[in-house]
Protein backbone atom coordinates (compact mmCIF):
# COMPACT_ATOMS: atom_id res chain seq x y z
CA UNK A 1 -41.62 218.58 40.37
CA UNK A 2 -41.76 220.24 43.80
CA UNK A 3 -43.96 223.22 44.56
CA UNK A 4 -43.27 225.79 41.81
CA UNK A 5 -41.37 228.94 42.69
CA UNK A 6 -41.21 232.27 40.99
CA UNK A 7 -38.70 231.73 38.19
CA UNK A 8 -36.11 233.83 36.38
CA UNK A 9 -34.59 232.66 33.10
CA UNK A 10 -31.39 234.34 31.99
CA UNK A 11 -28.82 234.59 29.28
CA UNK A 12 -25.30 236.01 29.51
CA UNK A 13 -24.45 238.63 26.91
CA UNK A 14 -21.34 239.92 25.16
CA UNK A 15 -20.28 242.08 28.11
CA UNK A 16 -20.69 239.24 30.60
CA UNK A 17 -23.87 240.68 32.12
CA UNK A 18 -26.67 238.27 33.04
CA UNK A 19 -30.03 239.50 31.80
CA UNK A 20 -33.41 237.85 31.55
CA UNK A 21 -37.07 237.77 32.49
CA UNK A 22 -39.20 236.26 35.23
CA UNK A 23 -42.60 234.66 35.71
CA UNK A 24 -44.68 234.04 38.85
CA UNK A 25 -44.89 230.58 40.34
CA UNK A 26 -48.23 229.90 38.65
CA UNK A 27 -46.56 230.09 35.22
CA UNK A 28 -43.51 228.01 36.08
CA UNK A 29 -44.47 224.92 34.08
CA UNK A 30 -45.60 227.04 31.16
CA UNK A 31 -42.20 228.75 31.19
CA UNK A 32 -40.36 225.43 30.88
CA UNK A 33 -42.45 224.48 27.86
CA UNK A 34 -42.52 227.73 25.93
CA UNK A 35 -39.86 230.07 27.25
CA UNK A 36 -40.15 233.85 27.15
CA UNK A 37 -39.88 236.50 24.49
CA UNK A 38 -36.53 238.12 23.77
CA UNK A 39 -35.10 240.66 21.31
CA UNK A 40 -32.14 240.10 18.97
CA UNK A 41 -31.09 243.71 19.65
CA UNK A 42 -30.41 242.84 23.30
CA UNK A 43 -27.18 241.24 22.11
CA UNK A 44 -25.95 244.73 21.15
CA UNK A 45 -26.21 246.04 24.71
CA UNK A 46 -23.15 247.61 26.28
CA UNK A 47 -21.82 247.30 29.81
CA UNK A 48 -23.85 250.33 30.88
CA UNK A 49 -27.08 249.35 29.15
CA UNK A 50 -27.11 251.17 25.81
CA UNK A 51 -28.12 249.26 22.67
CA UNK A 52 -25.64 250.41 20.07
CA UNK A 53 -26.51 251.37 16.51
CA UNK A 54 -24.86 249.93 13.43
CA UNK A 55 -25.49 246.25 14.11
CA UNK A 56 -27.83 243.96 12.15
CA UNK A 57 -30.21 243.99 15.12
CA UNK A 58 -32.86 246.70 15.20
CA UNK A 59 -36.27 247.17 16.79
CA UNK A 60 -37.69 244.41 14.58
CA UNK A 61 -37.47 240.68 15.17
CA UNK A 62 -38.30 238.29 17.98
CA UNK A 63 -36.64 235.38 19.73
CA UNK A 64 -37.51 232.94 22.48
CA UNK A 65 -35.41 232.64 25.63
CA UNK A 66 -35.75 228.93 26.36
CA UNK A 67 -34.80 227.73 29.86
CA UNK A 68 -32.64 224.64 30.15
CA UNK A 69 -34.28 222.72 33.00
CA UNK A 70 -30.97 220.98 33.79
CA UNK A 71 -29.32 224.34 34.50
CA UNK A 72 -31.84 225.39 37.16
CA UNK A 73 -30.76 226.22 40.69
CA UNK A 74 -32.92 227.19 43.63
CA UNK A 75 -31.94 230.35 45.47
CA UNK A 76 -33.45 229.81 48.93
CA UNK A 77 -35.54 232.35 50.80
CA UNK A 78 -33.40 234.72 52.85
CA UNK A 79 -35.09 237.02 55.34
CA UNK A 80 -37.60 239.14 53.45
CA UNK A 81 -36.34 237.86 50.08
CA UNK A 82 -38.38 234.93 48.73
CA UNK A 83 -36.96 231.81 47.14
CA UNK A 84 -36.37 231.86 43.40
CA UNK A 85 -35.72 229.28 40.71
CA UNK A 86 -32.97 230.55 38.40
CA UNK A 87 -32.48 229.01 34.96
CA UNK A 88 -30.02 229.64 32.18
CA UNK A 89 -31.49 229.68 28.71
CA UNK A 90 -30.75 229.30 25.03
CA UNK A 91 -31.81 231.85 22.45
CA UNK A 92 -34.02 230.32 19.78
CA UNK A 93 -35.98 231.49 16.76
CA UNK A 94 -39.77 231.45 16.91
CA UNK A 95 -39.83 228.06 15.17
CA UNK A 96 -37.58 226.60 17.87
CA UNK A 97 -34.26 226.53 16.01
CA UNK A 98 -31.11 227.70 17.81
CA UNK A 99 -30.44 231.35 17.07
CA UNK A 100 -27.27 231.81 15.04
CA UNK A 101 -25.82 234.34 17.53
CA UNK A 102 -26.71 232.60 20.81
CA UNK A 103 -23.54 232.55 22.99
CA UNK A 104 -24.55 229.38 24.81
CA UNK A 105 -25.28 227.58 21.58
CA UNK A 106 -21.90 228.67 20.21
CA UNK A 107 -20.29 226.76 23.09
CA UNK A 108 -22.50 223.74 22.40
CA UNK A 109 -21.43 223.75 18.75
CA UNK A 110 -17.78 224.05 19.77
CA UNK A 111 -18.00 221.13 22.19
CA UNK A 112 -19.57 219.00 19.46
CA UNK A 113 -16.80 220.03 17.04
CA UNK A 114 -14.19 219.01 19.63
CA UNK A 115 -15.83 215.60 20.04
CA UNK A 116 -16.34 215.09 16.31
CA UNK A 117 -12.85 216.14 15.22
CA UNK A 118 -10.76 214.70 18.08
CA UNK A 119 -12.91 212.23 20.00
CA UNK A 120 -12.22 214.27 23.15
CA UNK A 121 -14.33 215.92 25.83
CA UNK A 122 -13.16 218.85 27.89
CA UNK A 123 -13.29 219.06 31.67
CA UNK A 124 -13.04 222.62 32.92
CA UNK A 125 -13.19 224.74 36.02
CA UNK A 126 -13.40 228.54 36.27
CA UNK A 127 -11.43 229.84 39.26
CA UNK A 128 -12.88 233.21 40.30
CA UNK A 129 -11.29 236.05 42.25
CA UNK A 130 -13.41 238.91 43.54
CA UNK A 131 -13.46 241.69 46.11
CA UNK A 132 -15.92 242.12 48.98
CA UNK A 133 -16.41 245.81 49.60
CA UNK A 134 -17.49 247.09 53.05
CA UNK A 135 -15.18 244.78 55.00
CA UNK A 136 -12.57 245.98 57.49
CA UNK A 137 -8.98 246.25 56.28
CA UNK A 138 -7.10 242.99 56.85
CA UNK A 139 -3.86 241.25 55.94
CA UNK A 140 -3.51 239.20 52.73
CA UNK A 141 -4.32 235.51 53.02
CA UNK A 142 -5.13 235.90 56.72
CA UNK A 143 -7.50 234.11 59.03
CA UNK A 144 -8.66 237.57 60.12
CA UNK A 145 -9.92 238.32 56.61
CA UNK A 146 -11.54 234.91 56.37
CA UNK A 147 -13.38 235.50 59.65
CA UNK A 148 -14.27 239.11 58.84
CA UNK A 149 -16.22 237.81 55.85
CA UNK A 150 -18.43 235.55 57.98
CA UNK A 151 -21.20 234.56 57.82
CA UNK A 152 -20.90 235.27 54.09
CA UNK A 153 -18.24 232.63 53.41
CA UNK A 154 -20.01 229.88 55.33
CA UNK A 155 -23.36 230.75 53.74
CA UNK A 156 -21.80 230.82 50.27
CA UNK A 157 -20.34 227.32 50.61
CA UNK A 158 -23.70 225.99 51.83
CA UNK A 159 -25.52 227.74 48.97
CA UNK A 160 -23.17 226.46 46.28
CA UNK A 161 -23.36 222.94 47.71
CA UNK A 162 -27.17 223.04 47.78
CA UNK A 163 -27.15 224.20 44.15
CA UNK A 164 -25.04 221.20 43.11
CA UNK A 165 -22.08 223.32 42.09
CA UNK A 166 -19.43 221.31 43.99
CA UNK A 167 -17.40 224.06 45.71
CA UNK A 168 -13.82 223.03 46.51
CA UNK A 169 -12.22 226.02 48.23
CA UNK A 170 -13.11 229.43 49.65
CA UNK A 171 -10.13 231.51 50.68
CA UNK A 172 -8.79 235.01 51.41
CA UNK A 173 -6.57 236.18 48.55
CA UNK A 174 -3.60 238.52 48.20
CA UNK A 175 -5.36 241.71 47.01
CA UNK A 176 -7.15 244.13 49.32
CA UNK A 177 -10.36 242.46 50.58
CA UNK A 178 -9.97 239.90 47.80
CA UNK A 179 -11.26 236.32 47.92
CA UNK A 180 -11.24 233.29 45.67
CA UNK A 181 -13.74 230.50 45.18
CA UNK A 182 -13.13 227.35 43.17
CA UNK A 183 -15.47 224.65 41.93
CA UNK A 184 -14.73 221.04 41.01
CA UNK A 185 -13.98 220.36 37.33
CA UNK A 186 -17.00 219.45 35.24
CA UNK A 187 -17.83 218.87 31.59
CA UNK A 188 -17.71 221.86 29.27
CA UNK A 189 -21.24 223.25 29.22
CA UNK A 190 -21.82 222.55 32.91
CA UNK A 191 -18.54 224.25 33.83
CA UNK A 192 -19.42 227.40 31.89
CA UNK A 193 -22.99 227.42 33.24
CA UNK A 194 -21.61 227.20 36.76
CA UNK A 195 -19.33 230.18 36.09
CA UNK A 196 -22.31 232.26 34.96
CA UNK A 197 -24.37 231.24 37.99
CA UNK A 198 -21.55 231.58 40.52
CA UNK A 199 -21.11 235.29 39.90
CA UNK A 200 -24.81 235.99 40.31
CA UNK A 201 -25.12 233.88 43.45
CA UNK A 202 -22.10 235.59 45.02
CA UNK A 203 -23.38 239.09 44.24
CA UNK A 204 -26.87 238.27 45.44
CA UNK A 205 -25.71 236.74 48.73
CA UNK A 206 -23.27 239.60 49.35
CA UNK A 207 -26.10 242.13 49.18
CA UNK A 208 -28.11 240.07 51.67
CA UNK A 209 -25.14 240.25 54.07
CA UNK A 210 -24.56 243.99 53.74
CA UNK A 211 -21.61 243.64 51.36
CA UNK A 212 -20.87 244.43 47.72
CA UNK A 213 -19.08 241.82 45.61
CA UNK A 214 -17.14 243.06 42.58
CA UNK A 215 -15.59 240.71 40.04
CA UNK A 216 -14.03 243.56 38.03
CA UNK A 217 -10.46 243.10 36.73
CA UNK A 218 -9.27 246.01 38.88
CA UNK A 219 -10.53 247.95 41.88
CA UNK A 220 -7.57 250.30 41.93
CA UNK A 221 -5.16 251.27 39.13
CA UNK A 222 -2.10 250.12 41.10
CA UNK A 223 -3.83 247.37 43.04
CA UNK A 224 -3.92 243.63 42.62
CA UNK A 225 -6.38 242.58 39.94
CA UNK A 226 -9.01 239.86 39.94
CA UNK A 227 -8.97 237.27 37.18
CA UNK A 228 -10.80 234.16 36.10
CA UNK A 229 -8.34 231.31 35.62
CA UNK A 230 -9.74 228.63 33.35
CA UNK A 231 -8.43 225.13 34.01
CA UNK A 232 -8.71 222.65 31.14
CA UNK A 233 -8.14 218.93 30.77
CA UNK A 234 -9.33 216.44 28.18
CA UNK A 235 -10.55 212.86 28.26
CA UNK A 236 -11.09 210.40 25.43
CA UNK A 237 -14.28 208.49 24.65
CA UNK A 238 -13.42 205.97 27.37
CA UNK A 239 -12.98 208.71 29.97
CA UNK A 240 -9.18 208.41 30.05
CA UNK A 241 -7.17 211.63 30.58
CA UNK A 242 -4.94 212.51 27.62
CA UNK A 243 -2.77 215.47 28.68
CA UNK A 244 -0.09 213.78 30.82
CA UNK A 245 2.98 212.22 29.18
CA UNK A 246 5.93 212.16 31.55
CA UNK A 247 8.34 211.34 28.71
CA UNK A 248 7.82 214.78 27.17
CA UNK A 249 8.97 218.25 28.18
CA UNK A 250 6.75 219.61 30.92
CA UNK A 251 5.00 216.19 30.96
CA UNK A 252 2.58 217.63 28.37
CA UNK A 253 1.37 215.09 25.81
CA UNK A 254 1.53 215.67 22.07
CA UNK A 255 -2.18 216.46 21.88
CA UNK A 256 -1.76 218.90 24.75
CA UNK A 257 1.14 220.59 22.96
CA UNK A 258 -0.94 220.86 19.78
CA UNK A 259 -3.77 222.46 21.76
CA UNK A 260 -1.34 224.89 23.37
CA UNK A 261 0.17 225.76 19.98
CA UNK A 262 -3.21 226.83 18.63
CA UNK A 263 -4.07 228.85 21.69
CA UNK A 264 -0.74 230.66 21.68
CA UNK A 265 -0.87 231.34 17.93
CA UNK A 266 -4.28 233.00 18.20
CA UNK A 267 -3.81 234.44 21.69
CA UNK A 268 -4.27 238.11 20.81
CA UNK A 269 -7.54 237.42 19.01
CA UNK A 270 -8.70 235.15 21.84
CA UNK A 271 -8.10 237.88 24.42
CA UNK A 272 -10.59 240.14 22.62
CA UNK A 273 -13.18 237.71 24.03
CA UNK A 274 -11.63 236.64 27.36
CA UNK A 275 -10.40 240.05 28.65
CA UNK A 276 -12.83 242.36 26.88
CA UNK A 277 -13.32 245.42 29.09
CA UNK A 278 -11.76 248.88 28.71
CA UNK A 279 -9.57 248.21 31.78
CA UNK A 280 -8.77 244.49 31.37
CA UNK A 281 -5.33 245.04 29.85
CA UNK A 282 -4.19 247.30 32.67
CA UNK A 283 -4.01 244.08 34.69
CA UNK A 284 -2.36 241.91 32.03
CA UNK A 285 1.17 243.25 32.35
CA UNK A 286 4.44 241.74 33.61
CA UNK A 287 5.09 241.37 37.34
CA UNK A 288 1.40 241.45 38.31
CA UNK A 289 0.96 237.68 38.66
CA UNK A 290 -1.74 237.67 35.99
CA UNK A 291 -0.29 237.00 32.54
CA UNK A 292 2.82 238.89 31.55
CA UNK A 293 3.53 237.29 28.19
CA UNK A 294 2.25 234.90 25.54
CA UNK A 295 4.10 231.71 26.42
CA UNK A 296 3.61 228.21 27.81
CA UNK A 297 5.13 227.90 31.25
CA UNK A 298 5.53 225.26 33.92
CA UNK A 299 4.03 226.39 37.25
CA UNK A 300 4.66 230.01 36.18
CA UNK A 301 1.95 232.51 37.05
CA UNK A 302 3.31 235.04 34.54
CA UNK A 303 2.52 232.65 31.66
CA UNK A 304 -0.55 233.06 29.51
CA UNK A 305 -0.88 229.27 29.57
CA UNK A 306 0.42 227.37 32.59
CA UNK A 307 1.12 223.67 33.04
CA UNK A 308 -0.16 223.06 36.55
CA UNK A 309 1.79 220.81 38.93
CA UNK A 310 0.17 217.74 40.39
CA UNK A 311 0.20 216.56 43.99
CA UNK A 312 -1.11 213.06 43.38
CA UNK A 313 1.04 210.09 44.38
CA UNK A 314 -0.35 207.53 41.91
CA UNK A 315 0.02 207.72 38.10
CA UNK A 316 -3.73 207.36 37.59
CA UNK A 317 -4.57 210.17 39.99
CA UNK A 318 -1.81 212.37 38.54
CA UNK A 319 -3.19 211.94 35.02
CA UNK A 320 -6.63 213.02 36.20
CA UNK A 321 -5.26 216.00 38.09
CA UNK A 322 -2.93 217.21 35.33
CA UNK A 323 -4.30 220.28 33.52
CA UNK A 324 -3.58 223.49 31.63
CA UNK A 325 -4.51 226.86 33.10
CA UNK A 326 -5.40 229.84 30.90
CA UNK A 327 -4.72 233.03 32.88
CA UNK A 328 -5.84 235.96 30.70
CA UNK A 329 -9.56 235.91 31.40
CA UNK A 330 -11.68 238.02 33.71
CA UNK A 331 -15.31 238.32 34.73
CA UNK A 332 -16.16 241.02 32.20
CA UNK A 333 -16.21 238.14 29.69
CA UNK A 334 -19.01 235.71 28.93
CA UNK A 335 -18.00 232.25 30.29
CA UNK A 336 -19.71 230.40 27.40
CA UNK A 337 -17.73 232.44 24.87
CA UNK A 338 -14.52 232.27 26.92
CA UNK A 339 -14.50 228.49 26.96
CA UNK A 340 -15.62 228.27 23.34
CA UNK A 341 -12.84 230.51 21.98
CA UNK A 342 -10.18 228.68 24.01
CA UNK A 343 -11.36 225.41 22.50
CA UNK A 344 -11.62 226.85 18.97
CA UNK A 345 -8.06 228.13 19.17
CA UNK A 346 -6.85 224.82 20.56
CA UNK A 347 -8.69 222.90 17.85
CA UNK A 348 -6.91 224.99 15.22
CA UNK A 349 -3.62 223.75 16.63
CA UNK A 350 -4.81 220.16 16.93
CA UNK A 351 -5.87 220.05 13.28
CA UNK A 352 -3.29 222.46 11.81
CA UNK A 353 -0.36 220.09 11.47
CA UNK A 354 3.04 221.59 10.72
CA UNK A 355 1.58 225.09 10.59
CA UNK A 356 1.35 224.87 14.40
CA UNK A 357 4.72 223.59 15.68
CA UNK A 358 4.92 222.52 19.31
CA UNK A 359 5.59 225.54 21.54
CA UNK A 360 8.60 225.90 23.78
CA UNK A 361 7.82 224.87 27.34
CA UNK A 362 9.49 227.45 29.54
CA UNK A 363 10.69 226.46 33.00
CA UNK A 364 11.30 230.17 33.71
CA UNK A 365 9.98 233.37 32.16
CA UNK A 366 11.42 233.81 28.63
CA UNK A 367 14.12 236.47 28.23
CA UNK A 368 12.85 239.81 26.88
CA UNK A 369 14.07 239.14 23.34
CA UNK A 370 12.01 235.93 23.20
CA UNK A 371 8.95 237.02 25.19
CA UNK A 372 5.86 237.57 23.02
CA UNK A 373 4.04 240.56 24.47
CA UNK A 374 0.42 240.72 25.52
CA UNK A 375 -1.91 243.18 23.76
CA UNK A 376 -1.43 246.62 25.28
CA UNK A 377 -5.12 247.52 25.10
CA UNK A 378 -8.58 246.28 24.22
CA UNK A 379 -8.29 248.15 20.92
CA UNK A 380 -5.14 246.19 20.06
CA UNK A 381 -6.84 242.89 20.88
CA UNK A 382 -9.89 243.79 18.76
CA UNK A 383 -7.63 244.71 15.85
CA UNK A 384 -5.93 241.32 16.21
CA UNK A 385 -9.30 239.58 16.19
CA UNK A 386 -10.41 241.34 13.02
CA UNK A 387 -7.12 240.67 11.22
CA UNK A 388 -6.81 237.01 12.26
CA UNK A 389 -8.72 235.27 9.47
CA UNK A 390 -8.64 231.91 11.20
CA UNK A 391 -10.05 233.28 14.44
CA UNK A 392 -12.65 235.41 12.66
CA UNK A 393 -13.86 232.32 10.78
CA UNK A 394 -15.01 230.67 14.02
CA UNK A 395 -17.93 233.06 14.40
CA UNK A 396 -21.18 233.88 12.70
CA UNK A 397 -20.37 237.29 11.12
CA UNK A 398 -23.22 239.04 12.92
CA UNK A 399 -21.96 237.73 16.27
CA UNK A 400 -18.39 238.78 15.52
CA UNK A 401 -19.32 242.24 14.26
CA UNK A 402 -21.69 242.91 17.15
CA UNK A 403 -19.06 241.86 19.67
CA UNK A 404 -16.47 244.17 18.13
CA UNK A 405 -18.99 247.02 17.93
CA UNK A 406 -20.08 246.69 21.56
CA UNK A 407 -16.48 246.53 22.79
CA UNK A 408 -15.40 249.54 20.77
CA UNK A 409 -18.40 251.49 22.08
CA UNK A 410 -17.51 250.67 25.69
CA UNK A 411 -13.88 251.59 25.08
CA UNK A 412 -14.79 254.94 23.52
CA UNK A 413 -17.42 255.63 26.18
CA UNK A 414 -14.79 255.63 28.94
CA UNK A 415 -11.82 256.91 26.95
CA UNK A 416 -12.14 260.55 28.05
CA UNK A 417 -12.18 259.68 31.76
CA UNK A 418 -9.09 259.53 33.97
CA UNK A 419 -7.81 255.98 34.33
CA UNK A 420 -8.85 255.76 37.98
CA UNK A 421 -12.41 256.73 37.11
CA UNK A 422 -12.53 254.17 34.29
CA UNK A 423 -11.46 251.50 36.74
CA UNK A 424 -14.10 252.55 39.26
CA UNK A 425 -16.89 252.62 36.65
CA UNK A 426 -16.10 249.05 35.61
CA UNK A 427 -15.71 247.97 39.25
CA UNK A 428 -19.21 249.20 40.04
CA UNK A 429 -20.66 247.51 36.95
CA UNK A 430 -19.27 244.08 37.82
């Protein structure tokens, strides 16, 4: 190991906030062996830092926050700011067993269930949109906006590359001062870890460059929102892609259709995890290029689940490029839980047989009489989660109940504010 650095080990909680503890360089090796203390009650923390009452987690109890050495990235020194080693960690009991409510472990368990039940592995990529505040006004998609963000953009690509995160694109987006960054697809846990780290690295670098990065779903009530589009493909035990079948509608294979059927069936419950802020559903409405309805579409950015087109010229390359895109997620959600619930819903369809018939593949947006609506609010999505017995069964009851409690607290906390102020409060928090 190279010269130890001060280290920070973090977890991502139910409101998508990254929290943790640090040690000085002299304790770096000790940290890797024994982790740091943590409280079960921290899971019940809201967006704005309150620990809510009424959960199983009180002032008693102890956990260990155990760093995963493979997740570590080095944030280089920058001016007066020293270098730092940043790790993601698992929550464990004092005897070293995975804690039943650890979000990262829930994803690990889900990935193992996917492998055990289907023989498949997921490849995923989280496509993030965000806004850089303190930039001059510029045109959508323009070179001017791209250049106005320098040296931030250049430095971000170098940082992500040095951290082994395989950045693919950095581009000016459509919304006011909005940008997008994409990473190469990677296996499930790595992809979700990268999503957690990306947000923190972007925010940290922005501050060093005199900017403020916000990943919130909305910056303005009527403005373009920022989402997290989750791209999913699957490979078998031999590494062969399994989603492409050009003989079928939309070129989506039978196993892909089964996955889509489960996700669409449980979509409202899933969105209680993937779009879980008090303002998330203001963005998820028709004609906003986010997700305007619960349907499976071909190259349609109004679809909850989109079959992405390929540009490859060879069948082998096309099969590897072919993927599904889930469009109703944002950065107020925990990436580990987002990926896990998408896979749990898909698994339900893959194992549910005739109870999950293949969905219609829409070449255009369904007509109004056939368009299944999105939840109108976080409250509606939480109600769907609680009433969906299949979806509720995926979770340890304490994890499920704490999630619902935290979300309802956040929703009530902002309910008395004008909509514009709610949007701004969430924008500042993320």
